[in-house]
Amino acid sequence: MKTKDYRNGLRDGIAVALGYFAVSFAFGMETATKGLSILQAVLISLTNVTSAGQFSGLGIIAAGGTYIEIALTQLVINLRYCLMSFSLAQKLDRSASNWHRYLIAYSVTDEIFALDASLSTSLTPAYHYGITSVAVPGWVLGTLVGAISGTLLPAFVISALGVAIYGMFLAIIIPPARQNRTILLVVLSAMGLSFLFSILPLLKKVSSGFVIIITTIVIAGIAAWLKPISDESHKGEA
């Protein structure tokens, strides 16, 4: 393991860890309101390391959804990590063994991928492990603190702090939606379709897990068909 690369990863991963702590704190509090134990909350974060996947999975668990709903929802939501892993496989140092590839795959998240992909040189396992050494503990620690807070704080405080979850999602969608009209239409369309599932008699019978799956596939599919990203756009972003 290259010590310098590992130290660089540690340095770059601090900002990621701080952001993860804030988001996972909200997740930890949400698990407390759904009746999960502190240990269960920590194990979910330790084994998943995915914000959108964990929040959606928690909603399905709370609603008494089936295993197939959870599996399909996670497949749809987290499919991007597979594509990110393909990309990193091309950037990874050729001397890295398969065991390093398996370990790296565990912590391929949006933020960590961005740091790995931004390197001007080939990616060494040491650099990735440096980021993971602070980012994953930040995610798990935030969940732990949030879950403990959720069991100790009064109900009205938990309810008020629960707004942080919605603030997180708004912070994710508002900036790109303001810059790109297509993204804005996709967000509004997804909201509209979800609303129909909540009010129409027949659609109300569909479980929350399948609502997420259907909404994601339908809206994303229509957007990709009507507004595909051209090769020129990809080249301009590279």
C-alpha atoms as a PDB file:
ATOM      1  CA  MET A   1       0.000   0.000   0.000  1.00  0.00           C
ATOM      2  CA  LYS A   2       1.346   3.377  -1.005  1.00  0.00           C
ATOM      3  CA  THR A   3       1.438   5.562   2.107  1.00  0.00           C
ATOM      4  CA  LYS A   4       1.306   8.838   0.194  1.00  0.00           C
ATOM      5  CA  ASP A   5      -1.779   7.805  -1.786  1.00  0.00           C
ATOM      6  CA  TYR A   6      -3.493   6.666   1.405  1.00  0.00           C
ATOM      7  CA  ARG A   7      -2.778   9.990   3.136  1.00  0.00           C
ATOM      8  CA  ASN A   8      -4.128  11.874   0.135  1.00  0.00           C
ATOM      9  CA  GLY A   9      -7.284   9.778   0.297  1.00  0.00           C
ATOM     10  CA  LEU A  10      -7.683  10.515   3.994  1.00  0.00           C
ATOM     11  CA  ARG A  11      -7.340  14.232   3.327  1.00  0.00           C
ATOM     12  CA  ASP A  12      -9.816  14.275   0.446  1.00  0.00           C
ATOM     13  CA  GLY A  13     -12.284  12.080   2.310  1.00  0.00           C
ATOM     14  CA  ILE A  14     -12.755  14.433   5.277  1.00  0.00           C
ATOM     15  CA  ALA A  15     -15.253  16.639   3.435  1.00  0.00           C
ATOM     16  CA  VAL A  16     -17.174  13.557   2.318  1.00  0.00           C
ATOM     17  CA  ALA A  17     -17.270  12.230   5.883  1.00  0.00           C
ATOM     18  CA  LEU A  18     -18.706  15.511   7.208  1.00  0.00           C
ATOM     19  CA  GLY A  19     -21.436  15.501   4.575  1.00  0.00           C
ATOM     20  CA  TYR A  20     -22.205  11.849   5.233  1.00  0.00           C
ATOM     21  CA  PHE A  21     -22.536  12.489   8.967  1.00  0.00           C
ATOM     22  CA  ALA A  22     -25.212  15.132   8.407  1.00  0.00           C
ATOM     23  CA  VAL A  23     -27.287  12.985   6.040  1.00  0.00           C
ATOM     24  CA  SER A  24     -26.950   9.733   7.978  1.00  0.00           C
ATOM     25  CA  PHE A  25     -27.917  11.547  11.178  1.00  0.00           C
ATOM     26  CA  ALA A  26     -31.325  12.173   9.595  1.00  0.00           C
ATOM     27  CA  PHE A  27     -31.485   8.523   8.549  1.00  0.00           C
ATOM     28  CA  GLY A  28     -30.663   7.377  12.069  1.00  0.00           C
ATOM     29  CA  MET A  29     -33.472   9.478  13.520  1.00  0.00           C
ATOM     30  CA  GLU A  30     -35.881   8.138  10.927  1.00  0.00           C
ATOM     31  CA  THR A  31     -35.067   4.537  11.874  1.00  0.00           C
ATOM     32  CA  ALA A  32     -35.966   5.343  15.484  1.00  0.00           C
ATOM     33  CA  THR A  33     -39.382   6.662  14.438  1.00  0.00           C
ATOM     34  CA  LYS A  34     -39.977   3.498  12.374  1.00  0.00           C
ATOM     35  CA  GLY A  35     -39.315   1.228  15.334  1.00  0.00           C
ATOM     36  CA  LEU A  36     -35.885  -0.137  14.381  1.00  0.00           C
ATOM     37  CA  SER A  37     -33.260  -0.674  17.064  1.00  0.00           C
ATOM     38  CA  ILE A  38     -29.995   1.260  17.210  1.00  0.00           C
ATOM     39  CA  LEU A  39     -28.047  -1.867  16.227  1.00  0.00           C
ATOM     40  CA  GLN A  40     -30.302  -2.475  13.229  1.00  0.00           C
ATOM     41  CA  ALA A  41     -29.849   1.121  12.071  1.00  0.00           C
ATOM     42  CA  VAL A  42     -26.057   0.904  12.342  1.00  0.00           C
ATOM     43  CA  LEU A  43     -25.912  -2.437  10.528  1.00  0.00           C
ATOM     44  CA  ILE A  44     -28.021  -1.055   7.667  1.00  0.00           C
ATOM     45  CA  SER A  45     -25.643   1.872   7.192  1.00  0.00           C
ATOM     46  CA  LEU A  46     -22.528  -0.271   7.584  1.00  0.00           C
ATOM     47  CA  THR A  47     -23.614  -2.805   4.972  1.00  0.00           C
ATOM     48  CA  ASN A  48     -25.299  -0.459   2.464  1.00  0.00           C
ATOM     49  CA  VAL A  49     -23.591   2.961   2.445  1.00  0.00           C
ATOM     50  CA  THR A  50     -26.257   4.451   0.187  1.00  0.00           C
ATOM     51  CA  SER A  51     -28.541   7.308   1.213  1.00  0.00           C
ATOM     52  CA  ALA A  52     -31.362   7.026  -1.336  1.00  0.00           C
ATOM     53  CA  GLY A  53     -31.350   3.232  -1.141  1.00  0.00           C
ATOM     54  CA  GLN A  54     -31.501   3.202   2.645  1.00  0.00           C
ATOM     55  CA  PHE A  55     -34.268   5.794   2.905  1.00  0.00           C
ATOM     56  CA  SER A  56     -36.411   4.028   0.312  1.00  0.00           C
ATOM     57  CA  GLY A  57     -35.733   0.630   1.865  1.00  0.00           C
ATOM     58  CA  LEU A  58     -36.656   1.950   5.296  1.00  0.00           C
ATOM     59  CA  GLY A  59     -39.976   3.198   3.952  1.00  0.00           C
ATOM     60  CA  ILE A  60     -40.747  -0.225   2.487  1.00  0.00           C
ATOM     61  CA  ILE A  61     -39.801  -1.954   5.746  1.00  0.00           C
ATOM     62  CA  ALA A  62     -42.031   0.403   7.738  1.00  0.00           C
ATOM     63  CA  ALA A  63     -44.915  -0.226   5.338  1.00  0.00           C
ATOM     64  CA  GLY A  64     -44.526  -3.988   5.697  1.00  0.00           C
ATOM     65  CA  GLY A  65     -43.333  -4.479   2.110  1.00  0.00           C
ATOM     66  CA  THR A  66     -42.041  -7.720   0.683  1.00  0.00           C
ATOM     67  CA  TYR A  67     -38.475  -8.804   0.015  1.00  0.00           C
ATOM     68  CA  ILE A  68     -39.065  -8.626  -3.732  1.00  0.00           C
ATOM     69  CA  GLU A  69     -40.160  -4.980  -3.406  1.00  0.00           C
ATOM     70  CA  ILE A  70     -37.004  -4.101  -1.522  1.00  0.00           C
ATOM     71  CA  ALA A  71     -34.804  -6.025  -3.958  1.00  0.00           C
ATOM     72  CA  LEU A  72     -36.324  -4.411  -7.060  1.00  0.00           C
ATOM     73  CA  THR A  73     -36.296  -0.945  -5.508  1.00  0.00           C
ATOM     74  CA  GLN A  74     -32.623  -1.235  -4.586  1.00  0.00           C
ATOM     75  CA  LEU A  75     -31.809  -2.567  -8.054  1.00  0.00           C
ATOM     76  CA  VAL A  76     -33.435   0.422  -9.735  1.00  0.00           C
ATOM     77  CA  ILE A  77     -32.107   3.071  -7.363  1.00  0.00           C
ATOM     78  CA  ASN A  78     -28.564   1.733  -7.049  1.00  0.00           C
ATOM     79  CA  LEU A  79     -28.005   0.579 -10.622  1.00  0.00           C
ATOM     80  CA  ARG A  80     -25.810   3.625 -11.196  1.00  0.00           C
ATOM     81  CA  TYR A  81     -23.173   2.153  -8.873  1.00  0.00           C
ATOM     82  CA  CYS A  82     -22.698  -0.702 -11.325  1.00  0.00           C
ATOM     83  CA  LEU A  83     -21.952   1.788 -14.093  1.00  0.00           C
ATOM     84  CA  MET A  84     -19.586   3.715 -11.811  1.00  0.00           C
ATOM     85  CA  SER A  85     -17.738   0.498 -11.010  1.00  0.00           C
ATOM     86  CA  PHE A  86     -17.303  -0.255 -14.714  1.00  0.00           C
ATOM     87  CA  SER A  87     -15.788   3.181 -15.145  1.00  0.00           C
ATOM     88  CA  LEU A  88     -13.420   2.836 -12.187  1.00  0.00           C
ATOM     89  CA  ALA A  89     -12.322  -0.601 -13.405  1.00  0.00           C
ATOM     90  CA  GLN A  90     -10.813   1.136 -16.421  1.00  0.00           C
ATOM     91  CA  LYS A  91      -9.034   3.705 -14.256  1.00  0.00           C
ATOM     92  CA  LEU A  92      -7.771   1.323 -11.588  1.00  0.00           C
ATOM     93  CA  ASP A  93      -4.066   0.536 -11.501  1.00  0.00           C
ATOM     94  CA  ARG A  94      -3.499  -2.618 -13.550  1.00  0.00           C
ATOM     95  CA  SER A  95      -1.436  -4.167 -10.783  1.00  0.00           C
ATOM     96  CA  ALA A  96      -4.438  -4.219  -8.408  1.00  0.00           C
ATOM     97  CA  SER A  97      -5.542  -7.764  -7.610  1.00  0.00           C
ATOM     98  CA  ASN A  98      -9.127  -8.979  -7.760  1.00  0.00           C
ATOM     99  CA  TRP A  99      -9.375  -8.791  -3.973  1.00  0.00           C
ATOM    100  CA  HIS A 100      -8.696  -5.066  -4.146  1.00  0.00           C
ATOM    101  CA  ARG A 101     -11.418  -4.732  -6.775  1.00  0.00           C
ATOM    102  CA  TYR A 102     -13.928  -6.523  -4.555  1.00  0.00           C
ATOM    103  CA  LEU A 103     -13.095  -4.326  -1.563  1.00  0.00           C
ATOM    104  CA  ILE A 104     -13.259  -1.128  -3.603  1.00  0.00           C
ATOM    105  CA  ALA A 105     -16.697  -2.107  -4.938  1.00  0.00           C
ATOM    106  CA  TYR A 106     -18.077  -2.027  -1.382  1.00  0.00           C
ATOM    107  CA  SER A 107     -17.680   1.738  -1.094  1.00  0.00           C
ATOM    108  CA  VAL A 108     -18.336   3.037  -4.595  1.00  0.00           C
ATOM    109  CA  THR A 109     -20.702   5.922  -3.856  1.00  0.00           C
ATOM    110  CA  ASP A 110     -21.445   9.105  -5.812  1.00  0.00           C
ATOM    111  CA  GLU A 111     -19.027  11.250  -3.812  1.00  0.00           C
ATOM    112  CA  ILE A 112     -16.224   8.696  -3.556  1.00  0.00           C
ATOM    113  CA  PHE A 113     -16.559   7.903  -7.249  1.00  0.00           C
ATOM    114  CA  ALA A 114     -16.234  11.600  -8.051  1.00  0.00           C
ATOM    115  CA  LEU A 115     -12.971  11.805  -6.124  1.00  0.00           C
ATOM    116  CA  ASP A 116     -11.607   8.612  -7.670  1.00  0.00           C
ATOM    117  CA  ALA A 117     -12.575   9.652 -11.188  1.00  0.00           C
ATOM    118  CA  SER A 118     -11.118  13.151 -10.821  1.00  0.00           C
ATOM    119  CA  LEU A 119      -7.572  11.836 -10.381  1.00  0.00           C
ATOM    120  CA  SER A 120      -5.251  12.798 -13.198  1.00  0.00           C
ATOM    121  CA  THR A 121      -3.323   9.567 -12.655  1.00  0.00           C
ATOM    122  CA  SER A 122      -4.440   5.950 -12.404  1.00  0.00           C
ATOM    123  CA  LEU A 123      -6.436   5.017  -9.313  1.00  0.00           C
ATOM    124  CA  THR A 124      -4.553   3.067  -6.648  1.00  0.00           C
ATOM    125  CA  PRO A 125      -6.401   0.994  -4.055  1.00  0.00           C
ATOM    126  CA  ALA A 126      -4.545   2.922  -1.335  1.00  0.00           C
ATOM    127  CA  TYR A 127      -6.144   6.223  -2.364  1.00  0.00           C
ATOM    128  CA  HIS A 128      -9.635   4.732  -2.376  1.00  0.00           C
ATOM    129  CA  TYR A 129      -9.059   3.068   0.993  1.00  0.00           C
ATOM    130  CA  GLY A 130      -7.929   6.400   2.413  1.00  0.00           C
ATOM    131  CA  ILE A 131     -11.245   8.014   1.448  1.00  0.00           C
ATOM    132  CA  THR A 132     -13.221   5.037   2.721  1.00  0.00           C
ATOM    133  CA  SER A 133     -11.357   5.079   6.061  1.00  0.00           C
ATOM    134  CA  VAL A 134     -13.019   8.378   6.978  1.00  0.00           C
ATOM    135  CA  ALA A 135     -16.130   8.470   4.763  1.00  0.00           C
ATOM    136  CA  VAL A 136     -17.715   5.180   5.856  1.00  0.00           C
ATOM    137  CA  PRO A 137     -17.097   5.785   9.606  1.00  0.00           C
ATOM    138  CA  GLY A 138     -18.654   9.239   9.105  1.00  0.00           C
ATOM    139  CA  TRP A 139     -21.739   7.629   7.584  1.00  0.00           C
ATOM    140  CA  VAL A 140     -22.040   4.971  10.288  1.00  0.00           C
ATOM    141  CA  LEU A 141     -21.309   7.379  13.152  1.00  0.00           C
ATOM    142  CA  GLY A 142     -23.949   9.808  11.910  1.00  0.00           C
ATOM    143  CA  THR A 143     -26.475   6.966  11.846  1.00  0.00           C
ATOM    144  CA  LEU A 144     -25.515   5.925  15.371  1.00  0.00           C
ATOM    145  CA  VAL A 145     -25.836   9.449  16.786  1.00  0.00           C
ATOM    146  CA  GLY A 146     -29.116   9.983  14.940  1.00  0.00           C
ATOM    147  CA  ALA A 147     -30.581   6.692  16.158  1.00  0.00           C
ATOM    148  CA  ILE A 148     -29.585   7.429  19.759  1.00  0.00           C
ATOM    149  CA  SER A 149     -31.027  10.930  19.504  1.00  0.00           C
ATOM    150  CA  GLY A 150     -34.230   9.499  18.103  1.00  0.00           C
ATOM    151  CA  THR A 151     -34.701   7.358  21.195  1.00  0.00           C
ATOM    152  CA  LEU A 152     -33.852  10.094  23.719  1.00  0.00           C
ATOM    153  CA  LEU A 153     -35.248  13.349  22.323  1.00  0.00           C
ATOM    154  CA  PRO A 154     -38.897  14.363  22.810  1.00  0.00           C
ATOM    155  CA  ALA A 155     -41.310  13.543  19.992  1.00  0.00           C
ATOM    156  CA  PHE A 156     -41.809  17.186  18.947  1.00  0.00           C
ATOM    157  CA  VAL A 157     -38.031  17.695  18.587  1.00  0.00           C
ATOM    158  CA  ILE A 158     -37.697  14.541  16.489  1.00  0.00           C
ATOM    159  CA  SER A 159     -40.566  15.709  14.299  1.00  0.00           C
ATOM    160  CA  ALA A 160     -38.882  19.087  13.781  1.00  0.00           C
ATOM    161  CA  LEU A 161     -35.485  17.563  13.011  1.00  0.00           C
ATOM    162  CA  GLY A 162     -37.151  15.144  10.599  1.00  0.00           C
ATOM    163  CA  VAL A 163     -37.444  18.040   8.174  1.00  0.00           C
ATOM    164  CA  ALA A 164     -33.719  17.536   7.538  1.00  0.00           C
ATOM    165  CA  ILE A 165     -34.583  14.520   5.393  1.00  0.00           C
ATOM    166  CA  TYR A 166     -36.692  16.599   3.033  1.00  0.00           C
ATOM    167  CA  GLY A 167     -34.096  19.359   3.097  1.00  0.00           C
ATOM    168  CA  MET A 168     -31.476  16.867   1.949  1.00  0.00           C
ATOM    169  CA  PHE A 169     -33.525  15.807  -1.070  1.00  0.00           C
ATOM    170  CA  LEU A 170     -34.399  19.401  -1.944  1.00  0.00           C
ATOM    171  CA  ALA A 171     -30.710  20.309  -1.796  1.00  0.00           C
ATOM    172  CA  ILE A 172     -30.032  17.513  -4.276  1.00  0.00           C
ATOM    173  CA  ILE A 173     -32.723  18.315  -6.849  1.00  0.00           C
ATOM    174  CA  ILE A 174     -33.090  22.119  -6.771  1.00  0.00           C
ATOM    175  CA  PRO A 175     -29.631  23.199  -8.094  1.00  0.00           C
ATOM    176  CA  PRO A 176     -29.656  20.953 -11.207  1.00  0.00           C
ATOM    177  CA  ALA A 177     -33.375  21.622 -11.773  1.00  0.00           C
ATOM    178  CA  ARG A 178     -32.697  25.368 -11.877  1.00  0.00           C
ATOM    179  CA  GLN A 179     -29.962  24.911 -14.458  1.00  0.00           C
ATOM    180  CA  ASN A 180     -31.661  22.337 -16.668  1.00  0.00           C
ATOM    181  CA  ARG A 181     -35.319  22.542 -17.694  1.00  0.00           C
ATOM    182  CA  THR A 182     -35.428  18.853 -18.585  1.00  0.00           C
ATOM    183  CA  ILE A 183     -34.436  17.880 -15.042  1.00  0.00           C
ATOM    184  CA  LEU A 184     -37.089  20.242 -13.683  1.00  0.00           C
ATOM    185  CA  LEU A 185     -39.754  18.579 -15.837  1.00  0.00           C
ATOM    186  CA  VAL A 186     -38.568  15.125 -14.737  1.00  0.00           C
ATOM    187  CA  VAL A 187     -38.810  16.119 -11.050  1.00  0.00           C
ATOM    188  CA  LEU A 188     -42.260  17.660 -11.481  1.00  0.00           C
ATOM    189  CA  SER A 189     -43.480  14.672 -13.506  1.00  0.00           C
ATOM    190  CA  ALA A 190     -42.254  12.229 -10.848  1.00  0.00           C
ATOM    191  CA  MET A 191     -44.010  14.266  -8.166  1.00  0.00           C
ATOM    192  CA  GLY A 192     -47.205  14.317 -10.223  1.00  0.00           C
ATOM    193  CA  LEU A 193     -47.200  10.586 -10.862  1.00  0.00           C
ATOM    194  CA  SER A 194     -46.505   9.849  -7.194  1.00  0.00           C
ATOM    195  CA  PHE A 195     -49.398  12.131  -6.265  1.00  0.00           C
ATOM    196  CA  LEU A 196     -51.734  10.206  -8.567  1.00  0.00           C
ATOM    197  CA  PHE A 197     -50.730   6.974  -6.827  1.00  0.00           C
ATOM    198  CA  SER A 198     -51.758   8.528  -3.518  1.00  0.00           C
ATOM    199  CA  ILE A 199     -55.237   9.741  -4.537  1.00  0.00           C
ATOM    200  CA  LEU A 200     -56.642   7.503  -7.284  1.00  0.00           C
ATOM    201  CA  PRO A 201     -58.656   4.580  -5.838  1.00  0.00           C
ATOM    202  CA  LEU A 202     -57.078   1.862  -7.982  1.00  0.00           C
ATOM    203  CA  LEU A 203     -53.509   3.191  -7.792  1.00  0.00           C
ATOM    204  CA  LYS A 204     -53.728   3.659  -4.004  1.00  0.00           C
ATOM    205  CA  LYS A 205     -53.667  -0.112  -3.661  1.00  0.00           C
ATOM    206  CA  VAL A 206     -50.121  -0.281  -5.065  1.00  0.00           C
ATOM    207  CA  SER A 207     -47.535  -0.631  -2.292  1.00  0.00           C
ATOM    208  CA  SER A 208     -44.980   2.124  -1.675  1.00  0.00           C
ATOM    209  CA  GLY A 209     -42.093  -0.011  -2.912  1.00  0.00           C
ATOM    210  CA  PHE A 210     -43.655  -0.620  -6.312  1.00  0.00           C
ATOM    211  CA  VAL A 211     -44.692   3.033  -6.555  1.00  0.00           C
ATOM    212  CA  ILE A 212     -40.997   3.981  -6.399  1.00  0.00           C
ATOM    213  CA  ILE A 213     -40.083   1.354  -8.985  1.00  0.00           C
ATOM    214  CA  ILE A 214     -42.882   2.276 -11.407  1.00  0.00           C
ATOM    215  CA  THR A 215     -42.344   6.017 -11.066  1.00  0.00           C
ATOM    216  CA  THR A 216     -38.585   5.744 -11.593  1.00  0.00           C
ATOM    217  CA  ILE A 217     -38.787   3.494 -14.640  1.00  0.00           C
ATOM    218  CA  VAL A 218     -41.693   5.319 -16.320  1.00  0.00           C
ATOM    219  CA  ILE A 219     -40.470   8.896 -15.844  1.00  0.00           C
ATOM    220  CA  ALA A 220     -36.794   8.129 -16.504  1.00  0.00           C
ATOM    221  CA  GLY A 221     -37.716   6.068 -19.561  1.00  0.00           C
ATOM    222  CA  ILE A 222     -39.889   8.803 -21.061  1.00  0.00           C
ATOM    223  CA  ALA A 223     -37.226  11.441 -20.353  1.00  0.00           C
ATOM    224  CA  ALA A 224     -34.512   9.315 -21.991  1.00  0.00           C
ATOM    225  CA  TRP A 225     -36.742   8.783 -25.025  1.00  0.00           C
ATOM    226  CA  LEU A 226     -37.820  12.405 -25.469  1.00  0.00           C
ATOM    227  CA  LYS A 227     -34.634  14.149 -24.318  1.00  0.00           C
ATOM    228  CA  PRO A 228     -31.657  11.812 -24.895  1.00  0.00           C
ATOM    229  CA  ILE A 229     -28.183  13.098 -24.052  1.00  0.00           C
ATOM    230  CA  SER A 230     -26.165  13.417 -27.226  1.00  0.00           C
ATOM    231  CA  ASP A 231     -22.603  12.177 -27.619  1.00  0.00           C
ATOM    232  CA  GLU A 232     -21.513  15.793 -28.027  1.00  0.00           C
ATOM    233  CA  SER A 233     -22.897  16.617 -24.576  1.00  0.00           C
ATOM    234  CA  HIS A 234     -20.947  13.773 -23.036  1.00  0.00           C
ATOM    235  CA  LYS A 235     -17.758  14.973 -24.713  1.00  0.00           C
ATOM    236  CA  GLY A 236     -18.359  18.491 -23.454  1.00  0.00           C
ATOM    237  CA  GLU A 237     -18.722  17.243 -19.868  1.00  0.00           C
ATOM    238  CA  ALA A 238     -15.613  15.043 -20.003  1.00  0.00           C
END
